[in-house]
């Protein structure tokens, strides 16, 4: 009987609070660049605040083959052949939410 009680309490602890299903972007700052030949695909920088508790700086607004997208900060000390992100969203829902918030603010700043 004690095993069932422990299993039930462990299952209750593993449930995720629905309020944290997706972090919310509560603040966005975008710094668009003026067009120049040396900038290439880089169109601007951004920083966001998540749930009024965590800031992510160094986000880049890039112009790619399929249009504008958001690139995440890279580790400057990584010695591999590929790039390594310092932080990035795990779920597609959060990635789309962050990208939409940043690109909307970028389009408003450029217009």
PDB file of N, CA and C in Angstrom:
ATOM      1  N   UNK A   1       0.825  -1.190   0.000  1.00  0.00           N
ATOM      2  CA  UNK A   1       0.000   0.000   0.000  1.00  0.00           C
ATOM      3  C   UNK A   1       0.867   1.251   0.000  1.00  0.00           C
ATOM      4  N   UNK A   2       1.979   1.213   0.745  1.00  0.00           N
ATOM      5  CA  UNK A   2       2.872   2.370   0.793  1.00  0.00           C
ATOM      6  C   UNK A   2       3.468   2.663  -0.574  1.00  0.00           C
ATOM      7  N   UNK A   3       3.727   1.613  -1.373  1.00  0.00           N
ATOM      8  CA  UNK A   3       4.283   1.818  -2.712  1.00  0.00           C
ATOM      9  C   UNK A   3       3.301   2.568  -3.593  1.00  0.00           C
ATOM     10  N   UNK A   4       2.004   2.268  -3.493  1.00  0.00           N
ATOM     11  CA  UNK A   4       0.992   2.957  -4.294  1.00  0.00           C
ATOM     12  C   UNK A   4       0.900   4.428  -3.910  1.00  0.00           C
ATOM     13  N   UNK A   5       1.019   4.722  -2.615  1.00  0.00           N
ATOM     14  CA  UNK A   5       0.962   6.098  -2.156  1.00  0.00           C
ATOM     15  C   UNK A   5       2.159   6.877  -2.685  1.00  0.00           C
ATOM     16  N   UNK A   6       3.360   6.283  -2.630  1.00  0.00           N
ATOM     17  CA  UNK A   6       4.554   6.943  -3.156  1.00  0.00           C
ATOM     18  C   UNK A   6       4.458   7.155  -4.662  1.00  0.00           C
ATOM     19  N   UNK A   7       3.941   6.165  -5.367  1.00  0.00           N
ATOM     20  CA  UNK A   7       3.792   6.284  -6.816  1.00  0.00           C
ATOM     21  C   UNK A   7       2.807   7.396  -7.159  1.00  0.00           C
ATOM     22  N   UNK A   8       1.718   7.498  -6.392  1.00  0.00           N
ATOM     23  CA  UNK A   8       0.723   8.540  -6.644  1.00  0.00           C
ATOM     24  C   UNK A   8       1.301   9.928  -6.368  1.00  0.00           C
ATOM     25  N   UNK A   9       2.082  10.064  -5.307  1.00  0.00           N
ATOM     26  CA  UNK A   9       2.661  11.367  -4.993  1.00  0.00           C
ATOM     27  C   UNK A   9       3.725  11.752  -6.019  1.00  0.00           C
ATOM     28  N   UNK A  10       4.504  10.759  -6.506  1.00  0.00           N
ATOM     29  CA  UNK A  10       5.493  11.053  -7.552  1.00  0.00           C
ATOM     30  C   UNK A  10       4.810  11.487  -8.843  1.00  0.00           C
ATOM     31  N   UNK A  11       3.707  10.848  -9.193  1.00  0.00           N
ATOM     32  CA  UNK A  11       2.970  11.218 -10.406  1.00  0.00           C
ATOM     33  C   UNK A  11       2.402  12.630 -10.272  1.00  0.00           C
ATOM     34  N   UNK A  12       1.930  12.987  -9.079  1.00  0.00           N
ATOM     35  CA  UNK A  12       1.382  14.327  -8.870  1.00  0.00           C
ATOM     36  C   UNK A  12       2.479  15.386  -8.975  1.00  0.00           C
ATOM     37  N   UNK A  13       3.688  15.082  -8.502  1.00  0.00           N
ATOM     38  CA  UNK A  13       4.790  16.033  -8.573  1.00  0.00           C
ATOM     39  C   UNK A  13       5.274  16.229 -10.004  1.00  0.00           C
ATOM     40  N   UNK A  14       5.111  15.218 -10.862  1.00  0.00           N
ATOM     41  CA  UNK A  14       5.598  15.320 -12.221  1.00  0.00           C
ATOM     42  C   UNK A  14       4.651  16.068 -13.148  1.00  0.00           C
ATOM     43  N   UNK A  15       3.415  16.322 -12.715  1.00  0.00           N
ATOM     44  CA  UNK A  15       2.480  17.082 -13.538  1.00  0.00           C
ATOM     45  C   UNK A  15       3.001  18.505 -13.698  1.00  0.00           C
ATOM     46  N   UNK A  16       2.854  19.024 -14.913  1.00  0.00           N
ATOM     47  CA  UNK A  16       3.350  20.367 -15.212  1.00  0.00           C
ATOM     48  C   UNK A  16       2.251  21.373 -14.945  1.00  0.00           C
ATOM     49  N   UNK A  17       2.612  22.470 -14.313  1.00  0.00           N
ATOM     50  CA  UNK A  17       1.679  23.550 -14.057  1.00  0.00           C
ATOM     51  C   UNK A  17       1.242  24.145 -15.396  1.00  0.00           C
ATOM     52  N   UNK A  18      -0.056  24.205 -15.692  1.00  0.00           N
ATOM     53  CA  UNK A  18      -0.511  24.702 -16.988  1.00  0.00           C
ATOM     54  C   UNK A  18      -0.145  26.155 -17.244  1.00  0.00           C
ATOM     55  N   UNK A  19       0.107  26.943 -16.204  1.00  0.00           N
ATOM     56  CA  UNK A  19       0.494  28.336 -16.402  1.00  0.00           C
ATOM     57  C   UNK A  19       1.867  28.435 -17.059  1.00  0.00           C
ATOM     58  N   UNK A  20       2.703  27.420 -16.922  1.00  0.00           N
ATOM     59  CA  UNK A  20       4.039  27.448 -17.499  1.00  0.00           C
ATOM     60  C   UNK A  20       4.150  26.560 -18.738  1.00  0.00           C
ATOM     61  N   UNK A  21       3.002  26.263 -19.356  1.00  0.00           N
ATOM     62  CA  UNK A  21       3.020  25.458 -20.570  1.00  0.00           C
ATOM     63  C   UNK A  21       3.850  26.143 -21.650  1.00  0.00           C
ATOM     64  N   UNK A  22       3.712  27.470 -21.756  1.00  0.00           N
ATOM     65  CA  UNK A  22       4.511  28.233 -22.706  1.00  0.00           C
ATOM     66  C   UNK A  22       4.903  29.543 -22.035  1.00  0.00           C
ATOM     67  N   UNK A  23       6.151  29.849 -22.066  1.00  0.00           N
ATOM     68  CA  UNK A  23       6.603  31.122 -21.517  1.00  0.00           C
ATOM     69  C   UNK A  23       6.038  32.246 -22.372  1.00  0.00           C
ATOM     70  N   UNK A  24       5.746  33.363 -21.756  1.00  0.00           N
ATOM     71  CA  UNK A  24       5.212  34.507 -22.480  1.00  0.00           C
ATOM     72  C   UNK A  24       6.288  35.562 -22.639  1.00  0.00           C
ATOM     73  N   UNK A  25       6.373  36.126 -23.812  1.00  0.00           N
ATOM     74  CA  UNK A  25       7.274  37.244 -24.062  1.00  0.00           C
ATOM     75  C   UNK A  25       6.569  38.485 -23.546  1.00  0.00           C
ATOM     76  N   UNK A  26       7.128  39.100 -22.508  1.00  0.00           N
ATOM     77  CA  UNK A  26       6.471  40.246 -21.888  1.00  0.00           C
ATOM     78  C   UNK A  26       7.074  41.574 -22.314  1.00  0.00           C
ATOM     79  N   UNK A  27       8.261  41.538 -22.902  1.00  0.00           N
ATOM     80  CA  UNK A  27       8.884  42.774 -23.378  1.00  0.00           C
ATOM     81  C   UNK A  27       9.790  42.441 -24.550  1.00  0.00           C
ATOM     82  N   UNK A  28       9.766  43.301 -25.578  1.00  0.00           N
ATOM     83  CA  UNK A  28      10.620  43.117 -26.760  1.00  0.00           C
ATOM     84  C   UNK A  28      11.264  44.452 -27.089  1.00  0.00           C
ATOM     85  N   UNK A  29      12.566  44.435 -27.309  1.00  0.00           N
ATOM     86  CA  UNK A  29      13.280  45.602 -27.809  1.00  0.00           C
ATOM     87  C   UNK A  29      14.008  45.168 -29.072  1.00  0.00           C
ATOM     88  N   UNK A  30      13.809  45.942 -30.150  1.00  0.00           N
ATOM     89  CA  UNK A  30      14.433  45.631 -31.430  1.00  0.00           C
ATOM     90  C   UNK A  30      15.282  46.824 -31.846  1.00  0.00           C
ATOM     91  N   UNK A  31      16.462  46.531 -32.366  1.00  0.00           N
ATOM     92  CA  UNK A  31      17.387  47.556 -32.816  1.00  0.00           C
ATOM     93  C   UNK A  31      17.731  47.304 -34.283  1.00  0.00           C
ATOM     94  N   UNK A  32      16.905  47.826 -35.223  1.00  0.00           N
ATOM     95  CA  UNK A  32      17.165  47.567 -36.641  1.00  0.00           C
ATOM     96  C   UNK A  32      18.404  48.333 -37.113  1.00  0.00           C
ATOM     97  N   UNK A  33      19.103  47.749 -38.077  1.00  0.00           N
ATOM     98  CA  UNK A  33      20.286  48.386 -38.657  1.00  0.00           C
ATOM     99  C   UNK A  33      19.891  49.100 -39.932  1.00  0.00           C
ATOM    100  N   UNK A  34      20.621  50.165 -40.253  1.00  0.00           N
ATOM    101  CA  UNK A  34      20.455  50.803 -41.550  1.00  0.00           C
ATOM    102  C   UNK A  34      21.112  49.903 -42.581  1.00  0.00           C
ATOM    103  N   UNK A  35      20.545  49.899 -43.772  1.00  0.00           N
ATOM    104  CA  UNK A  35      21.087  49.042 -44.826  1.00  0.00           C
ATOM    105  C   UNK A  35      22.534  49.431 -45.126  1.00  0.00           C
ATOM    106  N   UNK A  36      23.376  48.433 -45.276  1.00  0.00           N
ATOM    107  CA  UNK A  36      24.772  48.659 -45.596  1.00  0.00           C
ATOM    108  C   UNK A  36      25.356  47.418 -46.230  1.00  0.00           C
ATOM    109  N   UNK A  37      26.383  47.579 -47.053  1.00  0.00           N
ATOM    110  CA  UNK A  37      26.940  46.424 -47.755  1.00  0.00           C
ATOM    111  C   UNK A  37      27.644  45.427 -46.844  1.00  0.00           C
ATOM    112  N   UNK A  38      28.124  45.850 -45.691  1.00  0.00           N
ATOM    113  CA  UNK A  38      28.893  44.958 -44.829  1.00  0.00           C
ATOM    114  C   UNK A  38      28.023  44.125 -43.893  1.00  0.00           C
ATOM    115  N   UNK A  39      26.733  44.408 -43.805  1.00  0.00           N
ATOM    116  CA  UNK A  39      25.877  43.691 -42.863  1.00  0.00           C
ATOM    117  C   UNK A  39      25.363  42.368 -43.408  1.00  0.00           C
ATOM    118  N   UNK A  40      25.280  42.210 -44.706  1.00  0.00           N
ATOM    119  CA  UNK A  40      24.831  40.952 -45.289  1.00  0.00           C
ATOM    120  C   UNK A  40      23.401  40.629 -44.903  1.00  0.00           C
ATOM    121  N   UNK A  41      23.192  39.457 -44.335  1.00  0.00           N
ATOM    122  CA  UNK A  41      21.854  38.990 -43.985  1.00  0.00           C
ATOM    123  C   UNK A  41      21.371  39.519 -42.638  1.00  0.00           C
ATOM    124  N   UNK A  42      22.240  40.109 -41.850  1.00  0.00           N
ATOM    125  CA  UNK A  42      21.874  40.628 -40.527  1.00  0.00           C
ATOM    126  C   UNK A  42      21.084  41.924 -40.675  1.00  0.00           C
ATOM    127  N   UNK A  43      19.871  41.938 -40.150  1.00  0.00           N
ATOM    128  CA  UNK A  43      18.992  43.107 -40.288  1.00  0.00           C
ATOM    129  C   UNK A  43      18.829  43.880 -38.982  1.00  0.00           C
ATOM    130  N   UNK A  44      19.116  43.249 -37.844  1.00  0.00           N
ATOM    131  CA  UNK A  44      18.978  43.942 -36.576  1.00  0.00           C
ATOM    132  C   UNK A  44      19.226  43.016 -35.403  1.00  0.00           C
ATOM    133  N   UNK A  45      19.246  43.608 -34.215  1.00  0.00           N
ATOM    134  CA  UNK A  45      19.412  42.857 -32.970  1.00  0.00           C
ATOM    135  C   UNK A  45      18.157  43.030 -32.124  1.00  0.00           C
ATOM    136  N   UNK A  46      17.952  42.100 -31.210  1.00  0.00           N
ATOM    137  CA  UNK A  46      16.780  42.172 -30.339  1.00  0.00           C
ATOM    138  C   UNK A  46      17.110  41.589 -28.977  1.00  0.00           C
ATOM    139  N   UNK A  47      16.305  41.996 -28.006  1.00  0.00           N
ATOM    140  CA  UNK A  47      16.339  41.371 -26.688  1.00  0.00           C
ATOM    141  C   UNK A  47      14.908  41.224 -26.218  1.00  0.00           C
ATOM    142  N   UNK A  48      14.657  40.148 -25.473  1.00  0.00           N
ATOM    143  CA  UNK A  48      13.312  39.865 -24.985  1.00  0.00           C
ATOM    144  C   UNK A  48      13.351  39.580 -23.491  1.00  0.00           C
ATOM    145  N   UNK A  49      12.213  39.749 -22.859  1.00  0.00           N
ATOM    146  CA  UNK A  49      12.025  39.380 -21.459  1.00  0.00           C
ATOM    147  C   UNK A  49      10.916  38.339 -21.432  1.00  0.00           C
ATOM    148  N   UNK A  50      11.156  37.232 -20.748  1.00  0.00           N
ATOM    149  CA  UNK A  50      10.185  36.155 -20.624  1.00  0.00           C
ATOM    150  C   UNK A  50       9.546  36.184 -19.249  1.00  0.00           C
ATOM    151  N   UNK A  51       8.228  36.235 -19.213  1.00  0.00           N
ATOM    152  CA  UNK A  51       7.446  36.225 -17.953  1.00  0.00           C
ATOM    153  C   UNK A  51       7.930  37.263 -16.951  1.00  0.00           C
ATOM    154  N   UNK A  52       8.426  38.382 -17.411  1.00  0.00           N
ATOM    155  CA  UNK A  52       8.947  39.450 -16.542  1.00  0.00           C
ATOM    156  C   UNK A  52      10.021  38.943 -15.586  1.00  0.00           C
ATOM    157  N   UNK A  53      10.724  37.851 -15.948  1.00  0.00           N
ATOM    158  CA  UNK A  53      11.694  37.268 -15.034  1.00  0.00           C
ATOM    159  C   UNK A  53      13.043  36.938 -15.660  1.00  0.00           C
ATOM    160  N   UNK A  54      13.095  36.773 -16.974  1.00  0.00           N
ATOM    161  CA  UNK A  54      14.355  36.364 -17.597  1.00  0.00           C
ATOM    162  C   UNK A  54      14.557  37.140 -18.886  1.00  0.00           C
ATOM    163  N   UNK A  55      15.766  37.660 -19.082  1.00  0.00           N
ATOM    164  CA  UNK A  55      16.083  38.412 -20.290  1.00  0.00           C
ATOM    165  C   UNK A  55      16.999  37.573 -21.179  1.00  0.00           C
ATOM    166  N   UNK A  56      16.760  37.643 -22.483  1.00  0.00           N
ATOM    167  CA  UNK A  56      17.642  37.009 -23.469  1.00  0.00           C
ATOM    168  C   UNK A  56      18.105  38.106 -24.411  1.00  0.00           C
ATOM    169  N   UNK A  57      19.400  38.348 -24.420  1.00  0.00           N
ATOM    170  CA  UNK A  57      20.002  39.363 -25.286  1.00  0.00           C
ATOM    171  C   UNK A  57      20.757  38.675 -26.410  1.00  0.00           C
ATOM    172  N   UNK A  58      21.026  39.428 -27.452  1.00  0.00           N
ATOM    173  CA  UNK A  58      21.847  38.903 -28.540  1.00  0.00           C
ATOM    174  C   UNK A  58      21.068  38.152 -29.601  1.00  0.00           C
ATOM    175  N   UNK A  59      19.753  38.262 -29.603  1.00  0.00           N
ATOM    176  CA  UNK A  59      18.955  37.664 -30.667  1.00  0.00           C
ATOM    177  C   UNK A  59      19.171  38.481 -31.940  1.00  0.00           C
ATOM    178  N   UNK A  60      19.263  37.814 -33.076  1.00  0.00           N
ATOM    179  CA  UNK A  60      19.527  38.506 -34.330  1.00  0.00           C
ATOM    180  C   UNK A  60      18.352  38.322 -35.291  1.00  0.00           C
ATOM    181  N   UNK A  61      17.956  39.407 -35.929  1.00  0.00           N
ATOM    182  CA  UNK A  61      16.955  39.336 -36.996  1.00  0.00           C
ATOM    183  C   UNK A  61      17.737  39.155 -38.287  1.00  0.00           C
ATOM    184  N   UNK A  62      17.485  38.031 -38.960  1.00  0.00           N
ATOM    185  CA  UNK A  62      18.237  37.673 -40.165  1.00  0.00           C
ATOM    186  C   UNK A  62      17.285  37.595 -41.362  1.00  0.00           C
ATOM    187  N   UNK A  63      17.842  37.865 -42.547  1.00  0.00           N
ATOM    188  CA  UNK A  63      17.086  37.733 -43.788  1.00  0.00           C
ATOM    189  C   UNK A  63      17.623  36.514 -44.517  1.00  0.00           C
ATOM    190  N   UNK A  64      16.809  35.468 -44.604  1.00  0.00           N
ATOM    191  CA  UNK A  64      17.232  34.223 -45.236  1.00  0.00           C
ATOM    192  C   UNK A  64      16.505  33.979 -46.545  1.00  0.00           C
ATOM    193  N   UNK A  65      16.692  32.808 -47.081  1.00  0.00           N
ATOM    194  CA  UNK A  65      16.075  32.415 -48.345  1.00  0.00           C
ATOM    195  C   UNK A  65      14.549  32.468 -48.248  1.00  0.00           C
ATOM    196  N   UNK A  66      13.999  32.071 -47.110  1.00  0.00           N
ATOM    197  CA  UNK A  66      12.548  32.036 -46.913  1.00  0.00           C
ATOM    198  C   UNK A  66      12.011  33.266 -46.193  1.00  0.00           C
ATOM    199  N   UNK A  67      12.766  34.324 -46.124  1.00  0.00           N
ATOM    200  CA  UNK A  67      12.322  35.551 -45.462  1.00  0.00           C
ATOM    201  C   UNK A  67      13.024  35.774 -44.136  1.00  0.00           C
ATOM    202  N   UNK A  68      12.433  36.646 -43.332  1.00  0.00           N
ATOM    203  CA  UNK A  68      13.035  36.999 -42.044  1.00  0.00           C
ATOM    204  C   UNK A  68      12.873  35.869 -41.031  1.00  0.00           C
ATOM    205  N   UNK A  69      13.895  35.713 -40.189  1.00  0.00           N
ATOM    206  CA  UNK A  69      13.824  34.756 -39.094  1.00  0.00           C
ATOM    207  C   UNK A  69      14.680  35.262 -37.946  1.00  0.00           C
ATOM    208  N   UNK A  70      14.538  34.635 -36.786  1.00  0.00           N
ATOM    209  CA  UNK A  70      15.275  35.025 -35.585  1.00  0.00           C
ATOM    210  C   UNK A  70      16.358  33.986 -35.326  1.00  0.00           C
ATOM    211  N   UNK A  71      17.568  34.462 -35.104  1.00  0.00           N
ATOM    212  CA  UNK A  71      18.700  33.600 -34.788  1.00  0.00           C
ATOM    213  C   UNK A  71      19.080  33.838 -33.332  1.00  0.00           C
ATOM    214  N   UNK A  72      19.422  32.773 -32.646  1.00  0.00           N
ATOM    215  CA  UNK A  72      19.699  32.848 -31.212  1.00  0.00           C
ATOM    216  C   UNK A  72      21.182  33.078 -30.948  1.00  0.00           C
ATOM    217  N   UNK A  73      21.529  33.591 -29.755  1.00  0.00           N
ATOM    218  CA  UNK A  73      22.926  33.892 -29.438  1.00  0.00           C
ATOM    219  C   UNK A  73      23.812  32.656 -29.552  1.00  0.00           C
ATOM    220  N   UNK A  74      25.031  32.870 -30.047  1.00  0.00           N
ATOM    221  CA  UNK A  74      25.986  31.781 -30.217  1.00  0.00           C
ATOM    222  C   UNK A  74      27.075  31.863 -29.162  1.00  0.00           C
ATOM    223  N   UNK A  75      27.625  30.729 -28.816  1.00  0.00           N
ATOM    224  CA  UNK A  75      28.719  30.644 -27.855  1.00  0.00           C
ATOM    225  C   UNK A  75      30.006  31.081 -28.536  1.00  0.00           C
ATOM    226  N   UNK A  76      30.593  32.212 -28.122  1.00  0.00           N
ATOM    227  CA  UNK A  76      31.804  32.702 -28.801  1.00  0.00           C
ATOM    228  C   UNK A  76      33.043  31.851 -28.509  1.00  0.00           C
ATOM    229  N   UNK A  77      32.989  31.002 -27.503  1.00  0.00           N
ATOM    230  CA  UNK A  77      34.159  30.211 -27.128  1.00  0.00           C
ATOM    231  C   UNK A  77      34.091  28.776 -27.641  1.00  0.00           C
ATOM    232  N   UNK A  78      33.036  28.425 -28.375  1.00  0.00           N
ATOM    233  CA  UNK A  78      32.897  27.072 -28.905  1.00  0.00           C
ATOM    234  C   UNK A  78      33.930  26.856 -30.006  1.00  0.00           C
ATOM    235  N   UNK A  79      34.679  25.766 -29.918  1.00  0.00           N
ATOM    236  CA  UNK A  79      35.778  25.512 -30.846  1.00  0.00           C
ATOM    237  C   UNK A  79      35.457  24.472 -31.912  1.00  0.00           C
ATOM    238  N   UNK A  80      34.202  24.053 -32.036  1.00  0.00           N
ATOM    239  CA  UNK A  80      33.832  23.063 -33.040  1.00  0.00           C
ATOM    240  C   UNK A  80      33.684  23.697 -34.413  1.00  0.00           C
ATOM    241  N   UNK A  81      33.410  22.876 -35.401  1.00  0.00           N
ATOM    242  CA  UNK A  81      33.254  23.376 -36.762  1.00  0.00           C
ATOM    243  C   UNK A  81      31.897  24.046 -36.960  1.00  0.00           C
ATOM    244  N   UNK A  82      30.876  23.593 -36.249  1.00  0.00           N
ATOM    245  CA  UNK A  82      29.552  24.183 -36.355  1.00  0.00           C
ATOM    246  C   UNK A  82      29.386  25.251 -35.288  1.00  0.00           C
ATOM    247  N   UNK A  83      28.293  25.994 -35.398  1.00  0.00           N
ATOM    248  CA  UNK A  83      27.962  26.970 -34.372  1.00  0.00           C
ATOM    249  C   UNK A  83      27.186  26.287 -33.257  1.00  0.00           C
ATOM    250  N   UNK A  84      27.306  26.813 -32.038  1.00  0.00           N
ATOM    251  CA  UNK A  84      26.613  26.251 -30.889  1.00  0.00           C
ATOM    252  C   UNK A  84      25.830  27.367 -30.196  1.00  0.00           C
ATOM    253  N   UNK A  85      24.517  27.192 -30.096  1.00  0.00           N
ATOM    254  CA  UNK A  85      23.674  28.200 -29.452  1.00  0.00           C
ATOM    255  C   UNK A  85      23.864  28.176 -27.943  1.00  0.00           C
ATOM    256  N   UNK A  86      23.776  29.341 -27.343  1.00  0.00           N
ATOM    257  CA  UNK A  86      23.816  29.450 -25.891  1.00  0.00           C
ATOM    258  C   UNK A  86      22.451  29.096 -25.325  1.00  0.00           C
ATOM    259  N   UNK A  87      21.397  29.574 -25.965  1.00  0.00           N
ATOM    260  CA  UNK A  87      20.036  29.269 -25.536  1.00  0.00           C
ATOM    261  C   UNK A  87      19.145  29.194 -26.767  1.00  0.00           C
ATOM    262  N   UNK A  88      18.154  28.349 -26.691  1.00  0.00           N
ATOM    263  CA  UNK A  88      17.160  28.246 -27.747  1.00  0.00           C
ATOM    264  C   UNK A  88      15.928  27.539 -27.193  1.00  0.00           C
ATOM    265  N   UNK A  89      14.750  27.847 -27.756  1.00  0.00           N
ATOM    266  CA  UNK A  89      13.532  27.212 -27.258  1.00  0.00           C
ATOM    267  C   UNK A  89      13.490  25.735 -27.621  1.00  0.00           C
ATOM    268  N   UNK A  90      12.911  24.942 -26.749  1.00  0.00           N
ATOM    269  CA  UNK A  90      12.799  23.509 -26.974  1.00  0.00           C
ATOM    270  C   UNK A  90      11.556  23.200 -27.821  1.00  0.00           C
ATOM    271  N   UNK A  91      10.444  23.863 -27.506  1.00  0.00           N
ATOM    272  CA  UNK A  91       9.201  23.546 -28.202  1.00  0.00           C
ATOM    273  C   UNK A  91       8.986  24.475 -29.396  1.00  0.00           C
ATOM    274  N   UNK A  92       8.300  23.947 -30.390  1.00  0.00           N
ATOM    275  CA  UNK A  92       7.980  24.732 -31.582  1.00  0.00           C
ATOM    276  C   UNK A  92       7.048  25.894 -31.223  1.00  0.00           C
ATOM    277  N   UNK A  93       6.138  25.653 -30.276  1.00  0.00           N
ATOM    278  CA  UNK A  93       5.186  26.677 -29.847  1.00  0.00           C
ATOM    279  C   UNK A  93       5.919  27.908 -29.307  1.00  0.00           C
ATOM    280  N   UNK A  94       6.901  27.700 -28.454  1.00  0.00           N
ATOM    281  CA  UNK A  94       7.645  28.821 -27.886  1.00  0.00           C
ATOM    282  C   UNK A  94       8.498  29.501 -28.953  1.00  0.00           C
ATOM    283  N   UNK A  95       9.123  28.724 -29.835  1.00  0.00           N
ATOM    284  CA  UNK A  95       9.939  29.306 -30.904  1.00  0.00           C
ATOM    285  C   UNK A  95       9.095  30.225 -31.791  1.00  0.00           C
ATOM    286  N   UNK A  96       7.911  29.770 -32.177  1.00  0.00           N
ATOM    287  CA  UNK A  96       7.032  30.576 -33.027  1.00  0.00           C
ATOM    288  C   UNK A  96       6.546  31.823 -32.295  1.00  0.00           C
ATOM    289  N   UNK A  97       6.247  31.691 -31.003  1.00  0.00           N
ATOM    290  CA  UNK A  97       5.793  32.830 -30.198  1.00  0.00           C
ATOM    291  C   UNK A  97       6.888  33.898 -30.127  1.00  0.00           C
ATOM    292  N   UNK A  98       8.111  33.495 -29.839  1.00  0.00           N
ATOM    293  CA  UNK A  98       9.222  34.440 -29.749  1.00  0.00           C
ATOM    294  C   UNK A  98       9.467  35.092 -31.102  1.00  0.00           C
ATOM    295  N   UNK A  99       9.517  34.291 -32.155  1.00  0.00           N
ATOM    296  CA  UNK A  99       9.789  34.823 -33.484  1.00  0.00           C
ATOM    297  C   UNK A  99       8.701  35.801 -33.922  1.00  0.00           C
ATOM    298  N   UNK A 100       7.439  35.474 -33.692  1.00  0.00           N
ATOM    299  CA  UNK A 100       6.348  36.370 -34.069  1.00  0.00           C
ATOM    300  C   UNK A 100       6.437  37.703 -33.332  1.00  0.00           C
ATOM    301  N   UNK A 101       6.716  37.665 -32.033  1.00  0.00           N
ATOM    302  CA  UNK A 101       6.821  38.900 -31.245  1.00  0.00           C
ATOM    303  C   UNK A 101       7.959  39.782 -31.760  1.00  0.00           C
ATOM    304  N   UNK A 102       9.102  39.187 -32.013  1.00  0.00           N
ATOM    305  CA  UNK A 102      10.274  39.957 -32.460  1.00  0.00           C
ATOM    306  C   UNK A 102      10.053  40.502 -33.864  1.00  0.00           C
ATOM    307  N   UNK A 103       9.560  39.675 -34.778  1.00  0.00           N
ATOM    308  CA  UNK A 103       9.394  40.127 -36.161  1.00  0.00           C
ATOM    309  C   UNK A 103       8.292  41.181 -36.288  1.00  0.00           C
ATOM    310  N   UNK A 104       7.237  41.092 -35.490  1.00  0.00           N
ATOM    311  CA  UNK A 104       6.210  42.132 -35.496  1.00  0.00           C
ATOM    312  C   UNK A 104       6.796  43.469 -35.053  1.00  0.00           C
ATOM    313  N   UNK A 105       7.579  43.435 -33.993  1.00  0.00           N
ATOM    314  CA  UNK A 105       8.205  44.653 -33.481  1.00  0.00           C
ATOM    315  C   UNK A 105       9.226  45.196 -34.492  1.00  0.00           C
ATOM    316  N   UNK A 106       9.957  44.301 -35.151  1.00  0.00           N
ATOM    317  CA  UNK A 106      10.934  44.710 -36.169  1.00  0.00           C
ATOM    318  C   UNK A 106      10.229  45.390 -37.349  1.00  0.00           C
ATOM    319  N   UNK A 107       9.144  44.781 -37.844  1.00  0.00           N
ATOM    320  CA  UNK A 107       8.416  45.364 -38.970  1.00  0.00           C
ATOM    321  C   UNK A 107       7.858  46.747 -38.612  1.00  0.00           C
ATOM    322  N   UNK A 108       7.379  46.896 -37.376  1.00  0.00           N
ATOM    323  CA  UNK A 108       6.862  48.191 -36.931  1.00  0.00           C
ATOM    324  C   UNK A 108       7.975  49.231 -36.850  1.00  0.00           C
ATOM    325  N   UNK A 109       9.166  48.826 -36.418  1.00  0.00           N
ATOM    326  CA  UNK A 109      10.289  49.761 -36.289  1.00  0.00           C
ATOM    327  C   UNK A 109      10.831  50.177 -37.653  1.00  0.00           C
ATOM    328  N   UNK A 110      10.798  49.283 -38.615  1.00  0.00           N
ATOM    329  CA  UNK A 110      11.325  49.572 -39.944  1.00  0.00           C
ATOM    330  C   UNK A 110      10.346  50.429 -40.751  1.00  0.00           C
ATOM    331  N   UNK A 111       9.039  50.201 -40.531  1.00  0.00           N
ATOM    332  CA  UNK A 111       8.014  50.923 -41.326  1.00  0.00           C
ATOM    333  C   UNK A 111       7.946  52.402 -40.994  1.00  0.00           C
TER     334      UNK A 111
END
